[in-house]
Amino acid sequence: MSKFTIIHPTKSRPLSAFQTYSKWMAFSEHNVEYILSVDTDDEANYENFFDNCIILRLPNKSAIEAINNAAKIATGDLLIVVSDDFDC
């Protein structure tokens, strides 16, 4: 069975990010890795919202850099990039 990694870059939007996370995880099977990639200057406390999720904090300069940094640590066979700007 393939493992999926969901990569989710976000900044300063913990509620929107959590809503997106919740929708994706509701449709996901057991073999899913979820990586939330946020900037080090983002003061939101994502740890209060998320469980069973890797929260990666790095000094990203763009959403693309946040995605690429998450992809570097992803262990899934297939990467899915999501956004809290649109519905799944």
C-alpha atoms as a PDB file:
ATOM      1  CA  MET A   1       0.000   0.000   0.000  1.00  0.00           C
ATOM      2  CA  SER A   2       1.357   3.433  -0.921  1.00  0.00           C
ATOM      3  CA  LYS A   3       1.980   6.094   1.677  1.00  0.00           C
ATOM      4  CA  PHE A   4       0.788   9.617   0.942  1.00  0.00           C
ATOM      5  CA  THR A   5       2.363  12.803   2.270  1.00  0.00           C
ATOM      6  CA  ILE A   6       0.165  15.889   2.376  1.00  0.00           C
ATOM      7  CA  ILE A   7       2.233  19.089   2.335  1.00  0.00           C
ATOM      8  CA  HIS A   8       0.477  22.200   3.556  1.00  0.00           C
ATOM      9  CA  PRO A   9       2.291  25.568   3.538  1.00  0.00           C
ATOM     10  CA  THR A  10       0.585  28.290   5.572  1.00  0.00           C
ATOM     11  CA  LYS A  11       1.306  31.516   7.414  1.00  0.00           C
ATOM     12  CA  SER A  12      -0.566  33.301  10.211  1.00  0.00           C
ATOM     13  CA  ARG A  13      -3.803  31.393   9.574  1.00  0.00           C
ATOM     14  CA  PRO A  14      -4.083  28.617  12.158  1.00  0.00           C
ATOM     15  CA  LEU A  15      -7.877  28.343  12.010  1.00  0.00           C
ATOM     16  CA  SER A  16      -7.980  28.179   8.192  1.00  0.00           C
ATOM     17  CA  ALA A  17      -5.088  25.740   8.212  1.00  0.00           C
ATOM     18  CA  PHE A  18      -6.841  23.537  10.767  1.00  0.00           C
ATOM     19  CA  GLN A  19     -10.066  23.510   8.740  1.00  0.00           C
ATOM     20  CA  THR A  20      -8.124  22.386   5.666  1.00  0.00           C
ATOM     21  CA  TYR A  21      -6.247  19.771   7.703  1.00  0.00           C
ATOM     22  CA  SER A  22      -9.513  18.436   9.150  1.00  0.00           C
ATOM     23  CA  LYS A  23     -11.143  18.083   5.723  1.00  0.00           C
ATOM     24  CA  TRP A  24      -8.164  16.267   4.205  1.00  0.00           C
ATOM     25  CA  MET A  25      -7.729  13.946   7.170  1.00  0.00           C
ATOM     26  CA  ALA A  26     -11.449  13.097   7.151  1.00  0.00           C
ATOM     27  CA  PHE A  27     -10.995  11.686   3.627  1.00  0.00           C
ATOM     28  CA  SER A  28      -7.651  10.045   4.322  1.00  0.00           C
ATOM     29  CA  GLU A  29      -6.884   6.445   5.050  1.00  0.00           C
ATOM     30  CA  HIS A  30      -4.456   5.285   7.719  1.00  0.00           C
ATOM     31  CA  ASN A  31      -1.259   5.594   5.697  1.00  0.00           C
ATOM     32  CA  VAL A  32      -0.993   9.400   5.519  1.00  0.00           C
ATOM     33  CA  GLU A  33       1.729  11.747   6.654  1.00  0.00           C
ATOM     34  CA  TYR A  34       0.679  15.391   7.070  1.00  0.00           C
ATOM     35  CA  ILE A  35       3.344  18.121   7.085  1.00  0.00           C
ATOM     36  CA  LEU A  36       2.352  21.673   7.962  1.00  0.00           C
ATOM     37  CA  SER A  37       5.143  23.966   6.781  1.00  0.00           C
ATOM     38  CA  VAL A  38       5.226  27.386   8.459  1.00  0.00           C
ATOM     39  CA  ASP A  39       7.721  30.225   8.715  1.00  0.00           C
ATOM     40  CA  THR A  40       9.788  30.808  11.842  1.00  0.00           C
ATOM     41  CA  ASP A  41       8.411  34.359  12.093  1.00  0.00           C
ATOM     42  CA  ASP A  42       4.815  33.049  12.204  1.00  0.00           C
ATOM     43  CA  GLU A  43       3.770  33.547  15.832  1.00  0.00           C
ATOM     44  CA  ALA A  44       0.613  31.423  15.620  1.00  0.00           C
ATOM     45  CA  ASN A  45       0.589  28.410  17.908  1.00  0.00           C
ATOM     46  CA  TYR A  46      -0.295  25.626  15.471  1.00  0.00           C
ATOM     47  CA  GLU A  47       0.651  23.013  18.058  1.00  0.00           C
ATOM     48  CA  ASN A  48      -2.595  23.789  19.918  1.00  0.00           C
ATOM     49  CA  PHE A  49      -4.694  22.826  16.865  1.00  0.00           C
ATOM     50  CA  PHE A  50      -2.945  19.875  15.253  1.00  0.00           C
ATOM     51  CA  ASP A  51      -2.237  16.317  16.318  1.00  0.00           C
ATOM     52  CA  ASN A  52      -0.833  13.508  14.208  1.00  0.00           C
ATOM     53  CA  CYS A  53       0.869  16.188  12.112  1.00  0.00           C
ATOM     54  CA  ILE A  54       4.471  17.247  11.568  1.00  0.00           C
ATOM     55  CA  ILE A  55       4.844  20.987  12.079  1.00  0.00           C
ATOM     56  CA  LEU A  56       7.944  22.169  10.260  1.00  0.00           C
ATOM     57  CA  ARG A  57       9.170  25.676  11.146  1.00  0.00           C
ATOM     58  CA  LEU A  58      11.892  27.112   8.929  1.00  0.00           C
ATOM     59  CA  PRO A  59      12.809  30.628   7.716  1.00  0.00           C
ATOM     60  CA  ASN A  60      10.968  30.239   4.396  1.00  0.00           C
ATOM     61  CA  LYS A  61      11.022  33.157   1.981  1.00  0.00           C
ATOM     62  CA  SER A  62       7.989  31.980  -0.019  1.00  0.00           C
ATOM     63  CA  ALA A  63       5.271  29.342  -0.174  1.00  0.00           C
ATOM     64  CA  ILE A  64       7.348  27.456  -2.752  1.00  0.00           C
ATOM     65  CA  GLU A  65      10.278  27.305  -0.354  1.00  0.00           C
ATOM     66  CA  ALA A  66       7.952  26.059   2.410  1.00  0.00           C
ATOM     67  CA  ILE A  67       6.690  23.323   0.070  1.00  0.00           C
ATOM     68  CA  ASN A  68      10.196  22.326  -0.995  1.00  0.00           C
ATOM     69  CA  ASN A  69      11.440  22.178   2.601  1.00  0.00           C
ATOM     70  CA  ALA A  70       8.531  19.937   3.564  1.00  0.00           C
ATOM     71  CA  ALA A  71       9.172  17.722   0.542  1.00  0.00           C
ATOM     72  CA  LYS A  72      12.756  17.204   1.732  1.00  0.00           C
ATOM     73  CA  ILE A  73      11.544  15.455   4.896  1.00  0.00           C
ATOM     74  CA  ALA A  74       8.500  13.723   3.395  1.00  0.00           C
ATOM     75  CA  THR A  75       8.479   9.937   3.567  1.00  0.00           C
ATOM     76  CA  GLY A  76       5.470   9.269   1.350  1.00  0.00           C
ATOM     77  CA  ASP A  77       5.480   7.636  -2.051  1.00  0.00           C
ATOM     78  CA  LEU A  78       3.182  10.356  -3.382  1.00  0.00           C
ATOM     79  CA  LEU A  79       3.229  14.039  -2.395  1.00  0.00           C
ATOM     80  CA  ILE A  80       0.039  16.103  -2.356  1.00  0.00           C
ATOM     81  CA  VAL A  81       0.307  19.872  -1.904  1.00  0.00           C
ATOM     82  CA  VAL A  82      -2.718  21.593  -0.378  1.00  0.00           C
ATOM     83  CA  SER A  83      -3.595  25.155   0.547  1.00  0.00           C
ATOM     84  CA  ASP A  84      -5.910  26.769   3.043  1.00  0.00           C
ATOM     85  CA  ASP A  85      -6.903  29.193   0.275  1.00  0.00           C
ATOM     86  CA  PHE A  86      -9.252  26.683  -1.377  1.00  0.00           C
ATOM     87  CA  ASP A  87     -11.352  23.661  -0.471  1.00  0.00           C
ATOM     88  CA  CYS A  88     -10.327  20.070  -1.082  1.00  0.00           C
END
